[in-house]
Structures are given as structure tokens and as C-alpha cells.
Amino acid sequence: MNVTLDIPDDVLAVLPIPEAERDGYLLLEIACALYARDLLSLGRAAELAGMPKVTFGQEIGRRGITRHYTETELEADLAYGRGQ
């Protein structure tokens, strides 16, 4: 399923972003907003933004968005680090 947003041309015209970069910019903004509201996981938000999880994680850090990191995720990461 895909969703198409209908953004009026006059609204797009005032965005100080080159036309070629608008789609990516808007997807990143939406992904960050949904992640910040805990509506998407880091992986899904990164997928929506079209970037690797590491890069998306760096972006949310630059924006001051708190990382959602559960104890279960920590345990999984530690187990992975130990080769388990």
C-alpha cells in the first residue's frame, strides 16, 4: 500500500529546498515525526526515510529526538555483541 500526499504547489514553492530534494526531505520529516511520537520503530522510520538505521539514528540525535531503546533491545544487542 502506498499513500500519496497532495501538497499544494504554492506550499511547495515556499519550501527553501531544491525541487529535486523535496521528496526525500519530506519523507525524512515525516519519519522523524512518527518516530518521535513512538508511532514507528527506528528501523521502520529509517526505511520510510530511505536511509540506513545508523544514518537515521544520527539524524534523530542531531534533532534532539530521544532514542526509544528498550531493555529487551539492549539485551538483544548485548547478546549479538557476545556472538550469541
PDB file of N, CA and C in Angstrom:
ATOM      1  N   MET A   1       0.844  -1.181   0.000  1.00  0.00           N
ATOM      2  CA  MET A   1       0.000   0.000   0.000  1.00  0.00           C
ATOM      3  C   MET A   1       0.886   1.240   0.000  1.00  0.00           C
ATOM      4  N   ASN A   2       0.578   2.157  -0.830  1.00  0.00           N
ATOM      5  CA  ASN A   2       1.270   3.435  -0.881  1.00  0.00           C
ATOM      6  C   ASN A   2       0.287   4.548  -0.573  1.00  0.00           C
ATOM      7  N   VAL A   3       0.800   5.607   0.012  1.00  0.00           N
ATOM      8  CA  VAL A   3      -0.010   6.784   0.301  1.00  0.00           C
ATOM      9  C   VAL A   3       0.575   7.947  -0.481  1.00  0.00           C
ATOM     10  N   THR A   4      -0.282   8.699  -1.125  1.00  0.00           N
ATOM     11  CA  THR A   4       0.145   9.868  -1.865  1.00  0.00           C
ATOM     12  C   THR A   4      -0.366  11.102  -1.138  1.00  0.00           C
ATOM     13  N   LEU A   5       0.524  12.027  -0.859  1.00  0.00           N
ATOM     14  CA  LEU A   5       0.132  13.284  -0.227  1.00  0.00           C
ATOM     15  C   LEU A   5      -0.063  14.339  -1.308  1.00  0.00           C
ATOM     16  N   ASP A   6      -1.147  15.047  -1.207  1.00  0.00           N
ATOM     17  CA  ASP A   6      -1.437  16.114  -2.156  1.00  0.00           C
ATOM     18  C   ASP A   6      -1.091  17.439  -1.476  1.00  0.00           C
ATOM     19  N   ILE A   7       0.095  17.934  -1.767  1.00  0.00           N
ATOM     20  CA  ILE A   7       0.565  19.192  -1.182  1.00  0.00           C
ATOM     21  C   ILE A   7       0.438  20.266  -2.257  1.00  0.00           C
ATOM     22  N   PRO A   8      -0.294  21.313  -1.969  1.00  0.00           N
ATOM     23  CA  PRO A   8      -0.495  22.367  -2.972  1.00  0.00           C
ATOM     24  C   PRO A   8       0.834  22.950  -3.467  1.00  0.00           C
ATOM     25  N   ASP A   9       0.859  23.276  -4.737  1.00  0.00           N
ATOM     26  CA  ASP A   9       2.069  23.835  -5.350  1.00  0.00           C
ATOM     27  C   ASP A   9       2.538  25.102  -4.644  1.00  0.00           C
ATOM     28  N   ASP A  10       1.604  25.936  -4.188  1.00  0.00           N
ATOM     29  CA  ASP A  10       2.020  27.178  -3.533  1.00  0.00           C
ATOM     30  C   ASP A  10       2.692  26.909  -2.189  1.00  0.00           C
ATOM     31  N   VAL A  11       2.338  25.802  -1.546  1.00  0.00           N
ATOM     32  CA  VAL A  11       3.012  25.421  -0.298  1.00  0.00           C
ATOM     33  C   VAL A  11       4.409  24.897  -0.620  1.00  0.00           C
ATOM     34  N   LEU A  12       4.507  24.033  -1.614  1.00  0.00           N
ATOM     35  CA  LEU A  12       5.823  23.510  -2.007  1.00  0.00           C
ATOM     36  C   LEU A  12       6.758  24.617  -2.466  1.00  0.00           C
ATOM     37  N   ALA A  13       6.202  25.618  -3.115  1.00  0.00           N
ATOM     38  CA  ALA A  13       7.011  26.713  -3.650  1.00  0.00           C
ATOM     39  C   ALA A  13       7.718  27.510  -2.560  1.00  0.00           C
ATOM     40  N   VAL A  14       7.151  27.550  -1.368  1.00  0.00           N
ATOM     41  CA  VAL A  14       7.778  28.343  -0.307  1.00  0.00           C
ATOM     42  C   VAL A  14       8.804  27.542   0.498  1.00  0.00           C
ATOM     43  N   LEU A  15       8.892  26.235   0.245  1.00  0.00           N
ATOM     44  CA  LEU A  15       9.907  25.442   0.933  1.00  0.00           C
ATOM     45  C   LEU A  15      11.286  25.808   0.388  1.00  0.00           C
ATOM     46  N   PRO A  16      12.218  26.142   1.260  1.00  0.00           N
ATOM     47  CA  PRO A  16      13.552  26.526   0.787  1.00  0.00           C
ATOM     48  C   PRO A  16      14.432  25.307   0.498  1.00  0.00           C
ATOM     49  N   ILE A  17      13.878  24.385  -0.259  1.00  0.00           N
ATOM     50  CA  ILE A  17      14.571  23.140  -0.594  1.00  0.00           C
ATOM     51  C   ILE A  17      14.521  22.970  -2.103  1.00  0.00           C
ATOM     52  N   PRO A  18      15.646  22.625  -2.714  1.00  0.00           N
ATOM     53  CA  PRO A  18      15.614  22.396  -4.166  1.00  0.00           C
ATOM     54  C   PRO A  18      14.574  21.340  -4.527  1.00  0.00           C
ATOM     55  N   GLU A  19      13.897  21.543  -5.631  1.00  0.00           N
ATOM     56  CA  GLU A  19      12.819  20.648  -6.049  1.00  0.00           C
ATOM     57  C   GLU A  19      13.261  19.187  -6.094  1.00  0.00           C
ATOM     58  N   ALA A  20      14.473  18.942  -6.537  1.00  0.00           N
ATOM     59  CA  ALA A  20      14.979  17.568  -6.646  1.00  0.00           C
ATOM     60  C   ALA A  20      15.139  16.889  -5.282  1.00  0.00           C
ATOM     61  N   GLU A  21      15.211  17.674  -4.205  1.00  0.00           N
ATOM     62  CA  GLU A  21      15.425  17.115  -2.865  1.00  0.00           C
ATOM     63  C   GLU A  21      14.150  17.091  -2.019  1.00  0.00           C
ATOM     64  N   ARG A  22      13.064  17.623  -2.526  1.00  0.00           N
ATOM     65  CA  ARG A  22      11.841  17.781  -1.721  1.00  0.00           C
ATOM     66  C   ARG A  22      11.259  16.459  -1.233  1.00  0.00           C
ATOM     67  N   ASP A  23      11.144  15.473  -2.118  1.00  0.00           N
ATOM     68  CA  ASP A  23      10.533  14.200  -1.707  1.00  0.00           C
ATOM     69  C   ASP A  23      11.305  13.582  -0.542  1.00  0.00           C
ATOM     70  N   GLY A  24      12.621  13.518  -0.681  1.00  0.00           N
ATOM     71  CA  GLY A  24      13.447  12.939   0.371  1.00  0.00           C
ATOM     72  C   GLY A  24      13.360  13.731   1.664  1.00  0.00           C
ATOM     73  N   TYR A  25      13.342  15.052   1.532  1.00  0.00           N
ATOM     74  CA  TYR A  25      13.245  15.920   2.703  1.00  0.00           C
ATOM     75  C   TYR A  25      11.933  15.683   3.443  1.00  0.00           C
ATOM     76  N   LEU A  26      10.834  15.656   2.698  1.00  0.00           N
ATOM     77  CA  LEU A  26       9.522  15.466   3.315  1.00  0.00           C
ATOM     78  C   LEU A  26       9.387  14.088   3.943  1.00  0.00           C
ATOM     79  N   LEU A  27       9.916  13.065   3.289  1.00  0.00           N
ATOM     80  CA  LEU A  27       9.876  11.728   3.879  1.00  0.00           C
ATOM     81  C   LEU A  27      10.681  11.673   5.175  1.00  0.00           C
ATOM     82  N   LEU A  28      11.827  12.335   5.206  1.00  0.00           N
ATOM     83  CA  LEU A  28      12.636  12.376   6.425  1.00  0.00           C
ATOM     84  C   LEU A  28      11.892  13.090   7.542  1.00  0.00           C
ATOM     85  N   GLU A  29      11.249  14.196   7.223  1.00  0.00           N
ATOM     86  CA  GLU A  29      10.488  14.938   8.229  1.00  0.00           C
ATOM     87  C   GLU A  29       9.356  14.092   8.801  1.00  0.00           C
ATOM     88  N   ILE A  30       8.642  13.404   7.933  1.00  0.00           N
ATOM     89  CA  ILE A  30       7.544  12.548   8.379  1.00  0.00           C
ATOM     90  C   ILE A  30       8.083  11.397   9.229  1.00  0.00           C
ATOM     91  N   ALA A  31       9.168  10.778   8.780  1.00  0.00           N
ATOM     92  CA  ALA A  31       9.755   9.661   9.523  1.00  0.00           C
ATOM     93  C   ALA A  31      10.209  10.105  10.910  1.00  0.00           C
ATOM     94  N   CYS A  32      10.845  11.251  11.001  1.00  0.00           N
ATOM     95  CA  CYS A  32      11.295  11.763  12.299  1.00  0.00           C
ATOM     96  C   CYS A  32      10.115  12.061  13.216  1.00  0.00           C
ATOM     97  N   ALA A  33       9.079  12.665  12.662  1.00  0.00           N
ATOM     98  CA  ALA A  33       7.903  12.993  13.469  1.00  0.00           C
ATOM     99  C   ALA A  33       7.221  11.735  13.986  1.00  0.00           C
ATOM    100  N   LEU A  34       7.078  10.735  13.143  1.00  0.00           N
ATOM    101  CA  LEU A  34       6.430   9.498  13.571  1.00  0.00           C
ATOM    102  C   LEU A  34       7.283   8.742  14.586  1.00  0.00           C
ATOM    103  N   TYR A  35       8.596   8.763  14.399  1.00  0.00           N
ATOM    104  CA  TYR A  35       9.481   8.124  15.374  1.00  0.00           C
ATOM    105  C   TYR A  35       9.421   8.862  16.711  1.00  0.00           C
ATOM    106  N   ALA A  36       9.466  10.175  16.677  1.00  0.00           N
ATOM    107  CA  ALA A  36       9.445  10.975  17.905  1.00  0.00           C
ATOM    108  C   ALA A  36       8.170  10.720  18.703  1.00  0.00           C
ATOM    109  N   ARG A  37       7.087  10.433  18.023  1.00  0.00           N
ATOM    110  CA  ARG A  37       5.809  10.164  18.691  1.00  0.00           C
ATOM    111  C   ARG A  37       5.644   8.679  19.031  1.00  0.00           C
ATOM    112  N   ASP A  38       6.711   7.895  18.798  1.00  0.00           N
ATOM    113  CA  ASP A  38       6.734   6.457  19.096  1.00  0.00           C
ATOM    114  C   ASP A  38       5.682   5.688  18.298  1.00  0.00           C
ATOM    115  N   LEU A  39       5.422   6.169  17.066  1.00  0.00           N
ATOM    116  CA  LEU A  39       4.481   5.500  16.180  1.00  0.00           C
ATOM    117  C   LEU A  39       5.186   4.557  15.212  1.00  0.00           C
ATOM    118  N   LEU A  40       6.488   4.772  15.009  1.00  0.00           N
ATOM    119  CA  LEU A  40       7.308   3.883  14.188  1.00  0.00           C
ATOM    120  C   LEU A  40       8.564   3.525  14.952  1.00  0.00           C
ATOM    121  N   SER A  41       9.045   2.314  14.733  1.00  0.00           N
ATOM    122  CA  SER A  41      10.328   1.911  15.303  1.00  0.00           C
ATOM    123  C   SER A  41      11.449   2.623  14.545  1.00  0.00           C
ATOM    124  N   LEU A  42      12.641   2.551  15.084  1.00  0.00           N
ATOM    125  CA  LEU A  42      13.793   3.160  14.417  1.00  0.00           C
ATOM    126  C   LEU A  42      13.978   2.557  13.024  1.00  0.00           C
ATOM    127  N   GLY A  43      13.882   1.243  12.929  1.00  0.00           N
ATOM    128  CA  GLY A  43      14.075   0.575  11.641  1.00  0.00           C
ATOM    129  C   GLY A  43      13.036   0.964  10.615  1.00  0.00           C
ATOM    130  N   ARG A  44      11.782   1.017  11.029  1.00  0.00           N
ATOM    131  CA  ARG A  44      10.707   1.376  10.097  1.00  0.00           C
ATOM    132  C   ARG A  44      10.781   2.848   9.708  1.00  0.00           C
ATOM    133  N   ALA A  45      11.129   3.697  10.659  1.00  0.00           N
ATOM    134  CA  ALA A  45      11.278   5.121  10.346  1.00  0.00           C
ATOM    135  C   ALA A  45      12.436   5.331   9.380  1.00  0.00           C
ATOM    136  N   ALA A  46      13.534   4.623   9.603  1.00  0.00           N
ATOM    137  CA  ALA A  46      14.681   4.713   8.695  1.00  0.00           C
ATOM    138  C   ALA A  46      14.286   4.242   7.297  1.00  0.00           C
ATOM    139  N   GLU A  47      13.511   3.173   7.249  1.00  0.00           N
ATOM    140  CA  GLU A  47      13.025   2.655   5.960  1.00  0.00           C
ATOM    141  C   GLU A  47      12.172   3.703   5.249  1.00  0.00           C
ATOM    142  N   LEU A  48      11.273   4.339   5.984  1.00  0.00           N
ATOM    143  CA  LEU A  48      10.433   5.385   5.400  1.00  0.00           C
ATOM    144  C   LEU A  48      11.286   6.540   4.884  1.00  0.00           C
ATOM    145  N   ALA A  49      12.318   6.897   5.632  1.00  0.00           N
ATOM    146  CA  ALA A  49      13.204   7.996   5.232  1.00  0.00           C
ATOM    147  C   ALA A  49      14.142   7.592   4.105  1.00  0.00           C
ATOM    148  N   GLY A  50      14.235   6.290   3.833  1.00  0.00           N
ATOM    149  CA  GLY A  50      15.108   5.810   2.758  1.00  0.00           C
ATOM    150  C   GLY A  50      16.578   5.867   3.108  1.00  0.00           C
ATOM    151  N   MET A  51      16.888   5.583   4.378  1.00  0.00           N
ATOM    152  CA  MET A  51      18.299   5.621   4.795  1.00  0.00           C
ATOM    153  C   MET A  51      18.597   4.481   5.755  1.00  0.00           C
ATOM    154  N   PRO A  52      19.871   4.142   5.906  1.00  0.00           N
ATOM    155  CA  PRO A  52      20.244   3.098   6.859  1.00  0.00           C
ATOM    156  C   PRO A  52      19.889   3.513   8.292  1.00  0.00           C
ATOM    157  N   LYS A  53      19.669   2.507   9.157  1.00  0.00           N
ATOM    158  CA  LYS A  53      19.306   2.791  10.547  1.00  0.00           C
ATOM    159  C   LYS A  53      20.351   3.657  11.241  1.00  0.00           C
ATOM    160  N   VAL A  54      21.612   3.398  10.974  1.00  0.00           N
ATOM    161  CA  VAL A  54      22.677   4.173  11.626  1.00  0.00           C
ATOM    162  C   VAL A  54      22.571   5.647  11.247  1.00  0.00           C
ATOM    163  N   THR A  55      22.372   5.917   9.975  1.00  0.00           N
ATOM    164  CA  THR A  55      22.261   7.293   9.500  1.00  0.00           C
ATOM    165  C   THR A  55      21.017   7.965  10.075  1.00  0.00           C
ATOM    166  N   PHE A  56      19.899   7.236  10.108  1.00  0.00           N
ATOM    167  CA  PHE A  56      18.684   7.791  10.679  1.00  0.00           C
ATOM    168  C   PHE A  56      18.876   8.051  12.169  1.00  0.00           C
ATOM    169  N   GLY A  57      19.533   7.138  12.862  1.00  0.00           N
ATOM    170  CA  GLY A  57      19.824   7.332  14.280  1.00  0.00           C
ATOM    171  C   GLY A  57      20.654   8.581  14.522  1.00  0.00           C
ATOM    172  N   GLN A  58      21.625   8.829  13.658  1.00  0.00           N
ATOM    173  CA  GLN A  58      22.427  10.048  13.774  1.00  0.00           C
ATOM    174  C   GLN A  58      21.559  11.288  13.542  1.00  0.00           C
ATOM    175  N   GLU A  59      20.650  11.195  12.593  1.00  0.00           N
ATOM    176  CA  GLU A  59      19.766  12.327  12.285  1.00  0.00           C
ATOM    177  C   GLU A  59      18.850  12.653  13.458  1.00  0.00           C
ATOM    178  N   ILE A  60      18.256  11.637  14.067  1.00  0.00           N
ATOM    179  CA  ILE A  60      17.390  11.942  15.205  1.00  0.00           C
ATOM    180  C   ILE A  60      18.202  12.497  16.367  1.00  0.00           C
ATOM    181  N   GLY A  61      19.453  12.069  16.488  1.00  0.00           N
ATOM    182  CA  GLY A  61      20.331  12.634  17.517  1.00  0.00           C
ATOM    183  C   GLY A  61      20.596  14.110  17.269  1.00  0.00           C
ATOM    184  N   ARG A  62      20.863  14.469  16.020  1.00  0.00           N
ATOM    185  CA  ARG A  62      21.089  15.882  15.670  1.00  0.00           C
ATOM    186  C   ARG A  62      19.860  16.733  15.977  1.00  0.00           C
ATOM    187  N   ARG A  63      18.701  16.112  15.855  1.00  0.00           N
ATOM    188  CA  ARG A  63      17.449  16.835  16.090  1.00  0.00           C
ATOM    189  C   ARG A  63      17.039  16.842  17.565  1.00  0.00           C
ATOM    190  N   GLY A  64      17.789  16.143  18.396  1.00  0.00           N
ATOM    191  CA  GLY A  64      17.458  16.102  19.819  1.00  0.00           C
ATOM    192  C   GLY A  64      16.273  15.205  20.147  1.00  0.00           C
ATOM    193  N   ILE A  65      15.974  14.261  19.255  1.00  0.00           N
ATOM    194  CA  ILE A  65      14.873  13.324  19.490  1.00  0.00           C
ATOM    195  C   ILE A  65      15.407  12.170  20.328  1.00  0.00           C
ATOM    196  N   THR A  66      14.726  11.892  21.422  1.00  0.00           N
ATOM    197  CA  THR A  66      15.144  10.823  22.320  1.00  0.00           C
ATOM    198  C   THR A  66      15.009   9.475  21.635  1.00  0.00           C
ATOM    199  N   ARG A  67      16.046   8.673  21.747  1.00  0.00           N
ATOM    200  CA  ARG A  67      16.045   7.327  21.156  1.00  0.00           C
ATOM    201  C   ARG A  67      15.187   6.413  21.998  1.00  0.00           C
ATOM    202  N   HIS A  68      14.294   5.677  21.367  1.00  0.00           N
ATOM    203  CA  HIS A  68      13.455   4.695  22.045  1.00  0.00           C
ATOM    204  C   HIS A  68      14.244   3.389  22.058  1.00  0.00           C
ATOM    205  N   TYR A  69      14.694   3.009  23.222  1.00  0.00           N
ATOM    206  CA  TYR A  69      15.567   1.843  23.329  1.00  0.00           C
ATOM    207  C   TYR A  69      15.148   1.073  24.565  1.00  0.00           C
ATOM    208  N   THR A  70      14.531  -0.062  24.348  1.00  0.00           N
ATOM    209  CA  THR A  70      14.005  -0.824  25.466  1.00  0.00           C
ATOM    210  C   THR A  70      15.067  -1.736  26.067  1.00  0.00           C
ATOM    211  N   GLU A  71      14.770  -2.234  27.243  1.00  0.00           N
ATOM    212  CA  GLU A  71      15.673  -3.177  27.905  1.00  0.00           C
ATOM    213  C   GLU A  71      15.820  -4.455  27.074  1.00  0.00           C
ATOM    214  N   THR A  72      14.745  -4.871  26.427  1.00  0.00           N
ATOM    215  CA  THR A  72      14.788  -6.054  25.564  1.00  0.00           C
ATOM    216  C   THR A  72      15.742  -5.834  24.389  1.00  0.00           C
ATOM    217  N   GLU A  73      15.692  -4.640  23.799  1.00  0.00           N
ATOM    218  CA  GLU A  73      16.609  -4.328  22.698  1.00  0.00           C
ATOM    219  C   GLU A  73      18.052  -4.316  23.178  1.00  0.00           C
ATOM    220  N   LEU A  74      18.286  -3.768  24.364  1.00  0.00           N
ATOM    221  CA  LEU A  74      19.629  -3.764  24.930  1.00  0.00           C
ATOM    222  C   LEU A  74      20.138  -5.183  25.117  1.00  0.00           C
ATOM    223  N   GLU A  75      19.308  -6.049  25.677  1.00  0.00           N
ATOM    224  CA  GLU A  75      19.706  -7.440  25.888  1.00  0.00           C
ATOM    225  C   GLU A  75      20.025  -8.125  24.562  1.00  0.00           C
ATOM    226  N   ALA A  76      19.218  -7.874  23.545  1.00  0.00           N
ATOM    227  CA  ALA A  76      19.466  -8.461  22.216  1.00  0.00           C
ATOM    228  C   ALA A  76      20.771  -7.945  21.636  1.00  0.00           C
ATOM    229  N   ASP A  77      21.038  -6.652  21.791  1.00  0.00           N
ATOM    230  CA  ASP A  77      22.282  -6.078  21.273  1.00  0.00           C
ATOM    231  C   ASP A  77      23.495  -6.637  22.013  1.00  0.00           C
ATOM    232  N   LEU A  78      23.375  -6.784  23.308  1.00  0.00           N
ATOM    233  CA  LEU A  78      24.483  -7.348  24.087  1.00  0.00           C
ATOM    234  C   LEU A  78      24.739  -8.803  23.705  1.00  0.00           C
ATOM    235  N   ALA A  79      23.684  -9.569  23.519  1.00  0.00           N
ATOM    236  CA  ALA A  79      23.831 -10.958  23.095  1.00  0.00           C
ATOM    237  C   ALA A  79      24.492 -11.030  21.714  1.00  0.00           C
ATOM    238  N   TYR A  80      24.085 -10.144  20.827  1.00  0.00           N
ATOM    239  CA  TYR A  80      24.687 -10.110  19.485  1.00  0.00           C
ATOM    240  C   TYR A  80      26.173  -9.769  19.601  1.00  0.00           C
ATOM    241  N   GLY A  81      26.495  -8.812  20.446  1.00  0.00           N
ATOM    242  CA  GLY A  81      27.886  -8.408  20.637  1.00  0.00           C
ATOM    243  C   GLY A  81      28.737  -9.538  21.206  1.00  0.00           C
ATOM    244  N   ARG A  82      28.127 -10.411  21.984  1.00  0.00           N
ATOM    245  CA  ARG A  82      28.843 -11.561  22.552  1.00  0.00           C
ATOM    246  C   ARG A  82      28.866 -12.747  21.592  1.00  0.00           C
ATOM    247  N   GLY A  83      28.233 -12.570  20.427  1.00  0.00           N
ATOM    248  CA  GLY A  83      28.236 -13.635  19.432  1.00  0.00           C
ATOM    249  C   GLY A  83      27.186 -14.701  19.684  1.00  0.00           C
ATOM    250  N   GLN A  84      26.176 -14.377  20.456  1.00  0.00           N
ATOM    251  CA  GLN A  84      25.135 -15.363  20.787  1.00  0.00           C
ATOM    252  C   GLN A  84      23.957 -15.236  19.844  1.00  0.00           C
TER     253      GLN A  84
END
